[in-house]
Structures are given as C-alpha cells and as structure tokens.
Protein backbone atom coordinates (compact mmCIF):
# COMPACT_ATOMS: atom_id res chain seq x y z
CA UNK A 1 8.01 0.39 11.27
CA UNK A 2 7.88 2.19 8.03
CA UNK A 3 4.77 1.82 5.87
CA UNK A 4 3.95 2.61 2.30
CA UNK A 5 0.63 4.29 2.32
CA UNK A 6 -1.69 6.99 0.96
CA UNK A 7 -1.67 10.58 1.98
CA UNK A 8 -4.79 12.62 0.96
CA UNK A 9 -4.28 15.83 -0.94
CA UNK A 10 -6.57 17.86 -3.13
CA UNK A 11 -9.60 20.00 -2.59
CA UNK A 12 -12.66 19.18 -0.61
CA UNK A 13 -14.78 16.52 -2.40
CA UNK A 14 -11.97 16.23 -4.93
CA UNK A 15 -9.58 13.71 -3.23
CA UNK A 16 -6.21 12.76 -4.68
CA UNK A 17 -3.49 10.79 -2.92
CA UNK A 18 0.31 10.74 -2.70
CA UNK A 19 1.79 7.35 -2.20
CA UNK A 20 4.39 7.96 0.53
CA UNK A 21 6.71 6.17 3.01
CA UNK A 22 5.92 7.14 6.50
CA UNK A 23 6.33 5.93 10.06
CA UNK A 24 3.35 3.74 11.12
CA UNK A 25 2.73 5.99 14.14
CA UNK A 26 2.52 9.28 12.01
CA UNK A 27 -1.02 10.64 11.24
CA UNK A 28 -2.49 10.04 7.72
CA UNK A 29 -1.63 13.61 6.45
CA UNK A 30 1.37 14.05 8.86
CA UNK A 31 5.09 13.64 8.50
CA UNK A 32 6.50 11.27 5.78
CA UNK A 33 9.83 10.08 4.63
CA UNK A 34 9.67 9.92 0.91
CA UNK A 35 7.15 10.50 -1.93
CA UNK A 36 6.87 7.51 -4.26
CA UNK A 37 4.08 8.50 -6.51
CA UNK A 38 0.49 9.62 -6.90
CA UNK A 39 -3.00 8.12 -7.17
CA UNK A 40 -5.96 9.94 -8.66
CA UNK A 41 -9.25 7.92 -8.27
CA UNK A 42 -11.45 10.55 -10.07
CA UNK A 43 -9.99 10.06 -13.52
CA UNK A 44 -11.33 7.33 -15.80
CA UNK A 45 -9.50 4.95 -15.59
CA UNK A 46 -7.96 5.95 -12.21
CA UNK A 47 -4.25 7.36 -12.70
CA UNK A 48 -1.56 5.64 -10.73
CA UNK A 49 2.00 7.05 -11.19
CA UNK A 50 4.70 5.30 -9.14
CA UNK A 51 8.51 5.55 -9.17
CA UNK A 52 9.13 1.85 -9.47
CA UNK A 53 12.90 2.10 -8.68
CA UNK A 54 12.19 3.99 -5.55
CA UNK A 55 9.42 1.75 -4.40
CA UNK A 56 11.32 -1.41 -4.86
CA UNK A 57 14.26 0.09 -2.85
CA UNK A 58 11.95 0.93 0.03
CA UNK A 59 10.33 -2.62 -0.14
CA UNK A 60 13.82 -4.05 0.05
CA UNK A 61 14.60 -1.88 3.10
CA UNK A 62 11.58 -3.47 4.90
CA UNK A 63 8.84 -0.93 4.30
CA UNK A 64 5.34 -2.62 4.40
CA UNK A 65 2.62 -1.49 2.16
CA UNK A 66 -0.83 -0.75 3.72
CA UNK A 67 -3.69 -2.89 2.32
CA UNK A 68 -4.81 -0.05 -0.19
CA UNK A 69 -1.33 0.91 -1.22
CA UNK A 70 -0.45 -2.80 -1.72
CA UNK A 71 -3.44 -3.32 -3.99
CA UNK A 72 -2.28 -0.25 -6.03
CA UNK A 73 1.26 -1.46 -6.32
CA UNK A 74 0.14 -4.90 -7.22
CA UNK A 75 -1.95 -3.39 -10.04
CA UNK A 76 1.16 -1.75 -11.36
CA UNK A 77 3.13 -4.96 -11.07
CA UNK A 78 5.54 -3.70 -8.39
CA UNK A 79 4.59 -5.67 -5.27
CA UNK A 80 2.97 -9.00 -4.56
CA UNK A 81 0.22 -7.19 -2.62
CA UNK A 82 -0.47 -6.15 0.99
CA UNK A 83 1.23 -8.06 3.90
CA UNK A 84 -0.99 -10.77 5.36
CA UNK A 85 -2.88 -9.92 8.58
CA UNK A 86 -1.65 -11.98 11.46
CA UNK A 87 -4.44 -13.81 13.18
CA UNK A 88 -4.53 -15.62 16.59
CA UNK A 89 -6.52 -18.57 15.20
CA UNK A 90 -4.30 -21.49 13.73
CA UNK A 91 -4.94 -22.20 10.03
CA UNK A 92 -7.49 -25.02 9.52
CA UNK A 93 -6.19 -28.27 8.05
CA UNK A 94 -8.45 -30.13 5.66
CA UNK A 95 -9.55 -33.45 7.02
CA UNK A 96 -8.79 -36.58 4.76
CA UNK A 97 -11.78 -37.81 2.87
CA UNK A 98 -12.65 -41.51 3.21
CA UNK A 99 -12.96 -43.48 -0.15
C-alpha cells in the first residue's frame, strides 16, 4: 500500500521534512515514489509547501496519508484528514432516553 508521509531531512537538531509518497513497508528515510512538498516546523508559523495537483492525483490513485501528513494536508485544505483507524470493537449505539 502506498502512503503519503513525512521523510526527515535537515541537520541534527534542525529537522525539516519532505512530504513523500512511499511504500508503507519502506523505512522512514528510505525509498520513496514521489516528492509532494515540504514541511518546516521550525519557522514561525510552520512552513507547509505542497503541490496540490500531484497530491490530489496520488489520493485519487489510492495513497493513504499518515496521521501527521493527513493533518498537514487538511490544514492546507487538500485532504479530509488521516484515514480512520480500524478498531475491533463495534461502535457504541446510544440508548434511547425515557421521557
């Protein structure tokens, strides 16, 4: 499965991240398929540069954003946020309230 996630770049103690499309089995800083943008958390406010056209194309092809990447994309108005995490417990249904 392809994931849209962050790849760490930058100096020691000065992180910056690339937003990339990578196989979910690849290591964090390992092989990737495409670079979609960058995220610099040390600037004020944090810098988020994303190629919206490329990102939408990868989302349409089925790439799932990681939790952090989903939040960044949502902040830019590109995606609806991270994919929901599947749980083994059934959803609780509210009980009716007696009048």
